[in-house]
């Protein structure tokens, strides 16, 4: 019987050799569309941006002289015209990231723990928390620009105050962080919720048998079970916060002065308004390197925990 099967298999291989060769390359053919899109919209623009950062690149002029690393050196030279503005924008980015990331990690986790329980209307509350995330940044920015207006805004009218939500510190930061948390917490909550539903119920039952309370269940079952999800949420939230642009551009417009002008906002102004694409590209690469280092540190911290 075994000999017969081997002969049949050998006969099939002999009869259909092209089919076997095609089967070996089929998985790679499915990856071709992704690689084409990745190369066209990610890799090539990144290489082109690096090339631009090495030139004095004004796209309105025909000459774009090669300047080497001058655009990068200017970012570290206190006597250059861009030094103070660039590092002030990096500081603003850091303030927003430090203020918003902890809230965007803790509040969505609390919401996910709440809506993971069984109670009437649970599906409705899940939709309510996620609903703001489907709105675009333009809608969110214009909406809250009017609501937080110090003179005509509905928020001050309801509270009966004259708080400068968009024109003074620290209110401008409170406004930007508050709006961002309200807008994006639904996304992180959904990711947490998916992670919570993957934790085996038997682990919670074992914790109860051992006499553990709710805090012990959260510390020894929930948090370890969510570790892969936490890694994704932390990195994704840090990167999104560090790339914040639309809220500051639409709600505070960088006010007061340029205190809330983030790095992405300043890079866009340098490249698109001042036509200094070489300098803007150099700033972008410096910000990218900083975010890569932060991501590596986060990976290292989570690996240490293992």
Protein backbone atom coordinates (compact mmCIF):
# COMPACT_ATOMS: atom_id res chain seq x y z
CA UNK A 1 0.00 0.00 0.00
CA UNK A 2 2.80 2.37 0.95
CA UNK A 3 4.71 1.55 -2.23
CA UNK A 4 1.59 2.26 -4.26
CA UNK A 5 1.15 5.66 -2.61
CA UNK A 6 4.79 6.58 -3.22
CA UNK A 7 4.49 5.62 -6.87
CA UNK A 8 1.30 7.67 -7.21
CA UNK A 9 2.98 10.70 -5.61
CA UNK A 10 6.03 10.34 -7.84
CA UNK A 11 3.78 10.08 -10.88
CA UNK A 12 1.94 13.27 -9.87
CA UNK A 13 5.21 15.14 -9.36
CA UNK A 14 6.44 13.98 -12.76
CA UNK A 15 3.17 14.91 -14.44
CA UNK A 16 2.81 18.38 -12.85
CA UNK A 17 6.28 19.93 -12.25
CA UNK A 18 5.23 23.49 -13.32
CA UNK A 19 2.39 23.45 -10.80
CA UNK A 20 4.81 22.66 -7.94
CA UNK A 21 7.19 25.42 -9.02
CA UNK A 22 4.29 27.90 -9.16
CA UNK A 23 3.16 26.81 -5.71
CA UNK A 24 6.58 27.69 -4.30
CA UNK A 25 6.44 31.29 -5.55
CA UNK A 26 2.71 31.89 -4.92
CA UNK A 27 3.17 33.31 -1.37
CA UNK A 28 5.67 35.85 -2.68
CA UNK A 29 3.30 36.95 -5.44
CA UNK A 30 0.74 37.89 -2.78
CA UNK A 31 3.37 40.17 -1.20
CA UNK A 32 4.15 42.00 -4.45
CA UNK A 33 1.31 44.59 -4.18
CA UNK A 34 2.42 45.49 -0.66
CA UNK A 35 6.06 45.88 -1.66
CA UNK A 36 5.09 48.01 -4.66
CA UNK A 37 3.00 50.34 -2.48
CA UNK A 38 5.64 50.39 0.28
CA UNK A 39 8.39 51.26 -2.19
CA UNK A 40 6.29 53.85 -4.02
CA UNK A 41 4.79 55.66 -1.06
CA UNK A 42 7.29 55.03 1.77
CA UNK A 43 10.79 53.96 0.72
CA UNK A 44 11.34 56.16 -2.34
CA UNK A 45 9.91 59.35 -0.72
CA UNK A 46 12.11 58.71 2.32
CA UNK A 47 15.23 58.39 0.16
CA UNK A 48 14.21 61.46 -1.84
CA UNK A 49 13.68 63.40 1.41
CA UNK A 50 17.18 62.45 2.56
CA UNK A 51 18.54 63.73 -0.77
CA UNK A 52 16.62 67.01 -0.35
CA UNK A 53 17.99 67.47 3.18
CA UNK A 54 21.50 67.65 1.69
CA UNK A 55 20.59 70.60 -0.56
CA UNK A 56 19.52 74.23 -0.26
CA UNK A 57 16.18 73.23 -1.76
CA UNK A 58 13.74 75.98 -2.76
CA UNK A 59 11.26 74.37 -5.16
CA UNK A 60 10.39 77.77 -6.68
CA UNK A 61 13.97 78.31 -7.90
CA UNK A 62 15.81 76.37 -10.62
CA UNK A 63 19.10 76.07 -8.69
CA UNK A 64 19.27 73.74 -5.71
CA UNK A 65 22.92 73.70 -4.61
CA UNK A 66 24.36 70.79 -2.68
CA UNK A 67 25.23 71.88 0.89
CA UNK A 68 26.11 68.55 2.49
CA UNK A 69 25.32 68.44 6.20
CA UNK A 70 24.85 72.22 6.59
CA UNK A 71 21.10 71.87 7.19
CA UNK A 72 21.77 69.39 10.01
CA UNK A 73 24.58 71.49 11.51
CA UNK A 74 22.29 74.55 11.57
CA UNK A 75 19.90 72.68 13.87
CA UNK A 76 22.68 72.39 16.48
CA UNK A 77 24.23 75.85 15.96
CA UNK A 78 22.82 78.42 18.45
CA UNK A 79 23.79 81.22 16.03
CA UNK A 80 21.65 79.85 13.18
CA UNK A 81 18.21 81.27 12.36
CA UNK A 82 16.40 77.97 12.92
CA UNK A 83 18.03 76.81 16.16
CA UNK A 84 15.74 78.53 18.68
CA UNK A 85 12.50 77.93 16.75
CA UNK A 86 13.24 74.27 16.05
CA UNK A 87 14.17 73.31 19.59
CA UNK A 88 11.27 75.33 20.98
CA UNK A 89 8.96 73.28 18.75
CA UNK A 90 10.65 70.07 19.92
CA UNK A 91 10.08 71.19 23.50
CA UNK A 92 6.40 71.79 22.73
CA UNK A 93 6.20 68.31 21.21
CA UNK A 94 7.79 66.84 24.33
CA UNK A 95 5.36 68.69 26.64
CA UNK A 96 2.35 67.45 24.71
CA UNK A 97 3.68 63.87 24.55
CA UNK A 98 4.49 63.70 28.27
CA UNK A 99 1.13 65.20 29.20
CA UNK A 100 -1.06 63.17 26.85
CA UNK A 101 0.50 59.68 26.73
CA UNK A 102 -0.17 58.69 30.39
CA UNK A 103 -3.80 59.76 30.05
CA UNK A 104 -4.15 57.93 26.73
CA UNK A 105 -2.82 54.76 28.36
CA UNK A 106 -4.77 54.82 31.64
CA UNK A 107 -8.16 56.27 30.68
CA UNK A 108 -8.79 53.88 27.73
CA UNK A 109 -7.72 50.94 29.93
CA UNK A 110 -10.26 51.96 32.58
CA UNK A 111 -12.93 52.32 29.88
CA UNK A 112 -12.02 48.91 28.41
CA UNK A 113 -12.23 47.25 31.85
CA UNK A 114 -15.63 48.88 32.36
CA UNK A 115 -17.21 47.94 29.02
CA UNK A 116 -15.70 44.44 29.16
CA UNK A 117 -18.21 43.64 31.92
CA UNK A 118 -21.67 42.35 31.11
CA UNK A 119 -24.40 44.93 31.68
CA UNK A 120 -27.42 46.20 29.74
CA UNK A 121 -26.50 48.60 26.94
CA UNK A 122 -22.85 47.51 26.79
CA UNK A 123 -22.77 47.65 22.98
CA UNK A 124 -24.22 51.16 23.02
CA UNK A 125 -21.53 52.44 25.39
CA UNK A 126 -18.81 50.81 23.26
CA UNK A 127 -20.11 52.77 20.25
CA UNK A 128 -20.32 55.99 22.29
CA UNK A 129 -16.68 55.80 23.40
CA UNK A 130 -15.43 54.95 19.91
CA UNK A 131 -17.64 57.43 17.99
CA UNK A 132 -15.37 60.54 18.26
CA UNK A 133 -12.46 58.62 16.72
CA UNK A 134 -14.25 58.28 13.37
CA UNK A 135 -14.31 62.08 12.99
CA UNK A 136 -11.47 63.71 11.07
CA UNK A 137 -9.00 66.08 12.67
CA UNK A 138 -10.44 68.98 10.66
CA UNK A 139 -13.90 68.41 12.14
CA UNK A 140 -12.50 68.03 15.66
CA UNK A 141 -10.29 71.10 15.33
CA UNK A 142 -12.95 73.46 13.98
CA UNK A 143 -15.56 72.16 16.44
CA UNK A 144 -13.41 72.71 19.52
CA UNK A 145 -12.01 75.97 18.18
CA UNK A 146 -15.51 77.43 18.43
CA UNK A 147 -16.42 75.66 21.68
CA UNK A 148 -13.24 76.82 23.46
CA UNK A 149 -13.22 80.37 22.11
CA UNK A 150 -12.43 82.62 25.13
CA UNK A 151 -15.01 85.23 24.13
CA UNK A 152 -17.80 83.43 22.30
CA UNK A 153 -17.21 79.74 23.16
CA UNK A 154 -19.91 77.55 24.64
CA UNK A 155 -17.56 76.13 27.29
CA UNK A 156 -17.02 79.49 28.99
CA UNK A 157 -20.71 80.31 28.59
CA UNK A 158 -21.71 77.10 30.40
CA UNK A 159 -19.06 77.49 33.13
CA UNK A 160 -19.67 81.22 33.52
CA UNK A 161 -15.95 82.01 33.26
CA UNK A 162 -13.57 83.86 30.93
CA UNK A 163 -10.85 81.18 30.86
CA UNK A 164 -8.38 81.72 27.95
CA UNK A 165 -8.59 78.12 26.73
CA UNK A 166 -6.73 78.76 23.47
CA UNK A 167 -4.72 81.93 24.10
CA UNK A 168 -2.76 81.45 27.34
CA UNK A 169 -0.82 78.81 29.26
CA UNK A 170 -1.41 76.34 30.79
CA UNK A 171 -4.96 76.46 29.43
CA UNK A 172 -3.85 75.95 25.81
CA UNK A 173 -2.06 72.72 26.75
CA UNK A 174 -5.03 71.58 28.84
CA UNK A 175 -7.29 72.19 25.85
CA UNK A 176 -5.06 70.32 23.39
CA UNK A 177 -4.51 67.36 25.70
CA UNK A 178 -8.18 67.20 26.73
CA UNK A 179 -9.44 67.30 23.15
CA UNK A 180 -6.92 64.67 22.04
CA UNK A 181 -7.82 62.31 24.90
CA UNK A 182 -11.55 62.70 24.19
CA UNK A 183 -10.99 62.19 20.47
CA UNK A 184 -8.64 59.17 20.45
CA UNK A 185 -9.32 57.21 23.65
CA UNK A 186 -11.84 55.02 21.79
CA UNK A 187 -9.13 53.53 19.57
CA UNK A 188 -6.91 52.46 22.47
CA UNK A 189 -9.98 51.24 24.39
CA UNK A 190 -10.92 48.93 21.50
CA UNK A 191 -7.37 47.54 21.36
CA UNK A 192 -7.39 46.96 25.13
CA UNK A 193 -10.82 45.34 24.90
CA UNK A 194 -9.60 42.86 22.28
CA UNK A 195 -6.65 42.01 24.52
CA UNK A 196 -8.87 41.54 27.59
CA UNK A 197 -11.10 39.08 25.75
CA UNK A 198 -8.06 36.95 24.87
CA UNK A 199 -7.10 36.42 28.53
CA UNK A 200 -8.31 32.95 29.63
CA UNK A 201 -11.12 33.04 32.22
CA UNK A 202 -9.45 30.14 34.03
CA UNK A 203 -6.67 32.46 35.21
CA UNK A 204 -9.16 34.72 36.98
CA UNK A 205 -10.87 31.70 38.56
CA UNK A 206 -7.49 30.43 39.77
CA UNK A 207 -6.73 33.85 41.27
CA UNK A 208 -10.05 33.84 43.14
CA UNK A 209 -9.42 30.31 44.46
CA UNK A 210 -6.07 31.52 45.77
CA UNK A 211 -7.85 34.29 47.63
CA UNK A 212 -6.77 37.16 45.41
CA UNK A 213 -8.92 40.28 45.30
CA UNK A 214 -9.70 42.56 42.36
CA UNK A 215 -6.37 44.37 42.63
CA UNK A 216 -4.47 41.06 42.69
CA UNK A 217 -6.40 39.89 39.60
CA UNK A 218 -5.56 43.12 37.80
CA UNK A 219 -1.88 43.04 38.78
CA UNK A 220 -1.12 39.35 38.30
CA UNK A 221 -3.56 38.35 35.52
CA UNK A 222 -4.80 41.37 33.56
CA UNK A 223 -1.56 43.33 33.19
CA UNK A 224 0.61 40.31 32.23
CA UNK A 225 -2.07 39.17 29.79
CA UNK A 226 -2.15 42.62 28.19
CA UNK A 227 1.65 42.98 27.85
CA UNK A 228 1.81 42.48 24.03
CA UNK A 229 -1.17 44.82 23.63
CA UNK A 230 0.44 47.36 25.97
CA UNK A 231 3.61 47.36 23.88
CA UNK A 232 1.63 48.19 20.75
CA UNK A 233 -0.53 50.80 22.49
CA UNK A 234 2.45 52.55 24.14
CA UNK A 235 4.49 52.82 20.94
CA UNK A 236 1.51 53.79 18.79
CA UNK A 237 0.39 56.44 21.30
CA UNK A 238 3.87 57.93 21.70
CA UNK A 239 4.36 58.17 17.93
CA UNK A 240 0.93 59.70 17.36
CA UNK A 241 1.41 62.23 20.16
CA UNK A 242 4.86 63.20 18.91
CA UNK A 243 3.38 63.77 15.44
CA UNK A 244 0.54 65.97 16.69
CA UNK A 245 -0.22 68.69 14.16
CA UNK A 246 -3.89 69.24 13.36
CA UNK A 247 -5.12 70.09 16.87
CA UNK A 248 -2.43 72.74 17.47
CA UNK A 249 -2.84 74.15 13.97
CA UNK A 250 -6.63 74.47 14.14
CA UNK A 251 -7.41 75.07 17.82
CA UNK A 252 -4.58 77.23 19.20
CA UNK A 253 -2.69 78.05 15.99
CA UNK A 254 0.49 77.78 18.03
CA UNK A 255 -0.65 80.41 20.57
CA UNK A 256 0.25 81.99 22.88
CA UNK A 257 3.12 83.16 20.67
CA UNK A 258 4.66 79.91 19.43
CA UNK A 259 4.40 78.03 22.75
CA UNK A 260 2.10 75.30 21.37
CA UNK A 261 3.71 75.11 17.91
CA UNK A 262 4.83 71.47 17.68
CA UNK A 263 7.74 70.12 15.64
CA UNK A 264 5.55 68.85 12.80
CA UNK A 265 3.82 72.24 12.65
CA UNK A 266 7.13 74.10 12.45
CA UNK A 267 8.51 71.67 9.85
CA UNK A 268 5.42 72.23 7.69
CA UNK A 269 5.75 76.00 8.00
CA UNK A 270 9.47 75.90 7.15
CA UNK A 271 8.97 73.74 4.08
CA UNK A 272 5.64 74.91 2.69
CA UNK A 273 5.49 78.56 3.76
CA UNK A 274 9.16 79.57 3.84
CA UNK A 275 10.09 77.26 0.91
CA UNK A 276 13.13 75.86 2.80
CA UNK A 277 12.57 72.23 1.95
CA UNK A 278 16.16 71.21 2.67
CA UNK A 279 16.01 72.52 6.22
CA UNK A 280 12.53 71.04 6.76
CA UNK A 281 13.73 67.63 5.53
CA UNK A 282 16.70 67.74 7.92
CA UNK A 283 14.34 68.54 10.82
CA UNK A 284 12.12 65.63 9.79
CA UNK A 285 15.02 63.20 9.85
CA UNK A 286 16.17 64.45 13.23
CA UNK A 287 12.66 63.97 14.63
CA UNK A 288 12.52 60.50 13.04
CA UNK A 289 15.80 59.49 14.69
CA UNK A 290 14.53 60.72 18.07
CA UNK A 291 11.33 58.68 17.71
CA UNK A 292 13.28 55.60 16.65
CA UNK A 293 15.43 55.86 19.78
CA UNK A 294 12.34 56.26 21.98
CA UNK A 295 10.73 53.22 20.31
CA UNK A 296 13.87 51.14 20.90
CA UNK A 297 13.90 52.17 24.58
CA UNK A 298 10.26 51.13 24.94
CA UNK A 299 10.99 47.77 23.29
CA UNK A 300 13.93 47.34 25.65
CA UNK A 301 11.82 48.12 28.73
CA UNK A 302 9.11 45.63 27.75
CA UNK A 303 11.72 42.96 26.96
CA UNK A 304 13.31 43.51 30.37
CA UNK A 305 9.93 42.92 31.96
CA UNK A 306 9.81 39.48 30.28
